[in-house]
Amino acid sequence: MSGYFIVVFVVQLPYRWTALPGTSNTRLGLVKYHLHNFNMAKNQMTEVNGVVSESLPNMQFRVTLDDGREILAHLAGRMRLHRIRVMPGDKVKLEMSDYDTDKGRIVYRSS
């Protein structure tokens, strides 16, 4: 087998790293997992403003955007953690994905 060679890297990994599900907890599995996470692209979220028009069950809200559209939005995790209450009539800032413009995440509330 002339012309072929194998390169092996030995990496000392921190104790708290875990392997991919379905792979063994070996150094190779850990390296694959963390290299995979570093290469993932973050999708850009569009920030828009709106007014809460209706409160729905499960911390969901019907929000009317500044351009007149009405979407379904849920509270961001940080707002749930700090128990920030959102009532109908509150002005909110939302993050929306470019791929699904019918749903959003409420990230900031102003009276």
Protein backbone atom coordinates (compact mmCIF):
# COMPACT_ATOMS: atom_id res chain seq x y z
CA MET A 1 0.00 0.00 0.00
CA SER A 2 2.37 2.66 -1.15
CA GLY A 3 1.14 6.23 -1.15
CA TYR A 4 -1.24 5.82 1.79
CA PHE A 5 -0.54 6.91 5.31
CA ILE A 6 -2.59 7.39 8.45
CA VAL A 7 -2.24 10.37 10.75
CA VAL A 8 -3.32 9.87 14.36
CA PHE A 9 -3.65 12.71 16.85
CA VAL A 10 -3.62 12.03 20.56
CA VAL A 11 -5.41 14.77 22.45
CA GLN A 12 -5.66 15.21 26.20
CA LEU A 13 -9.31 16.15 26.78
CA PRO A 14 -10.88 17.76 29.84
CA TYR A 15 -12.69 15.42 32.23
CA ARG A 16 -16.14 16.97 31.76
CA TRP A 17 -16.42 16.33 28.01
CA THR A 18 -18.78 13.57 26.96
CA ALA A 19 -18.97 11.52 23.80
CA LEU A 20 -21.62 11.49 21.11
CA PRO A 21 -24.65 9.32 21.83
CA GLY A 22 -24.05 5.95 20.24
CA THR A 23 -20.25 6.22 20.31
CA SER A 24 -17.91 4.85 22.87
CA ASN A 25 -16.44 7.18 25.45
CA THR A 26 -13.05 7.17 23.76
CA ARG A 27 -10.80 10.02 22.84
CA LEU A 28 -11.67 9.60 19.17
CA GLY A 29 -15.40 9.81 19.91
CA LEU A 30 -14.86 12.92 22.03
CA VAL A 31 -12.80 14.63 19.35
CA LYS A 32 -15.44 13.86 16.71
CA TYR A 33 -18.16 15.30 18.94
CA HIS A 34 -16.42 18.57 19.73
CA LEU A 35 -15.10 19.15 16.22
CA HIS A 36 -18.66 18.63 14.98
CA ASN A 37 -20.00 21.24 17.42
CA PHE A 38 -17.34 23.80 16.50
CA ASN A 39 -18.18 23.56 12.80
CA MET A 40 -21.93 24.04 13.21
CA ALA A 41 -23.21 27.33 11.81
CA LYS A 42 -25.46 29.51 13.95
CA ASN A 43 -28.56 30.62 12.13
CA GLN A 44 -29.25 34.32 12.37
CA MET A 45 -32.38 35.38 14.23
CA THR A 46 -34.27 38.48 13.13
CA GLU A 47 -35.31 40.85 15.93
CA VAL A 48 -38.73 42.52 15.58
CA ASN A 49 -40.98 44.52 17.89
CA GLY A 50 -44.63 43.89 18.65
CA VAL A 51 -47.46 44.15 21.16
CA VAL A 52 -48.95 41.18 23.05
CA SER A 53 -52.60 40.89 22.04
CA GLU A 54 -53.61 37.66 23.79
CA SER A 55 -52.25 35.34 26.47
CA LEU A 56 -52.52 31.61 25.72
CA PRO A 57 -51.83 28.49 27.83
CA ASN A 58 -48.28 27.16 28.34
CA MET A 59 -46.62 30.59 28.38
CA GLN A 60 -47.54 31.27 24.77
CA PHE A 61 -48.80 34.56 23.44
CA ARG A 62 -50.45 35.96 20.34
CA VAL A 63 -48.34 38.97 19.30
CA THR A 64 -49.20 41.66 16.76
CA LEU A 65 -46.04 42.86 15.02
CA ASP A 66 -45.38 46.46 14.00
CA ASP A 67 -46.06 45.58 10.36
CA GLY A 68 -49.54 44.24 11.22
CA ARG A 69 -48.87 40.48 11.11
CA GLU A 70 -50.04 38.32 14.02
CA ILE A 71 -47.78 35.48 15.19
CA LEU A 72 -47.55 32.92 17.98
CA ALA A 73 -44.69 33.52 20.43
CA HIS A 74 -43.33 31.82 23.55
CA LEU A 75 -41.18 33.14 26.38
CA ALA A 76 -37.42 32.72 26.17
CA GLY A 77 -35.84 30.49 28.81
CA ARG A 78 -34.09 33.35 30.57
CA MET A 79 -37.41 35.19 30.97
CA ARG A 80 -39.01 32.05 32.41
CA LEU A 81 -36.06 31.60 34.76
CA HIS A 82 -36.38 35.13 36.15
CA ARG A 83 -40.22 34.90 36.18
CA ILE A 84 -40.77 37.97 34.07
CA ARG A 85 -44.50 38.33 33.54
CA VAL A 86 -45.90 39.31 30.18
CA MET A 87 -49.45 40.65 29.98
CA PRO A 88 -51.65 41.63 27.03
CA GLY A 89 -50.78 45.17 25.96
CA ASP A 90 -47.05 44.87 26.77
CA LYS A 91 -44.55 45.88 24.11
CA VAL A 92 -42.09 43.07 23.48
CA LYS A 93 -38.98 42.35 21.42
CA LEU A 94 -39.05 39.03 19.58
CA GLU A 95 -36.52 36.83 17.84
CA MET A 96 -37.79 35.12 14.72
CA SER A 97 -36.12 32.58 12.47
CA ASP A 98 -35.78 33.41 8.80
CA TYR A 99 -37.21 29.98 7.98
CA ASP A 100 -40.42 30.11 10.05
CA THR A 101 -41.99 33.56 10.19
CA ASP A 102 -45.19 32.42 11.95
CA LYS A 103 -43.52 31.73 15.31
CA GLY A 104 -41.20 33.69 17.56
CA ARG A 105 -39.49 33.87 20.95
CA ILE A 106 -40.07 36.80 23.32
CA VAL A 107 -36.68 37.98 24.60
CA TYR A 108 -37.47 41.39 26.14
CA ARG A 109 -40.54 43.09 27.64
CA SER A 110 -41.21 46.79 28.08
CA SER A 111 -44.43 48.20 29.54
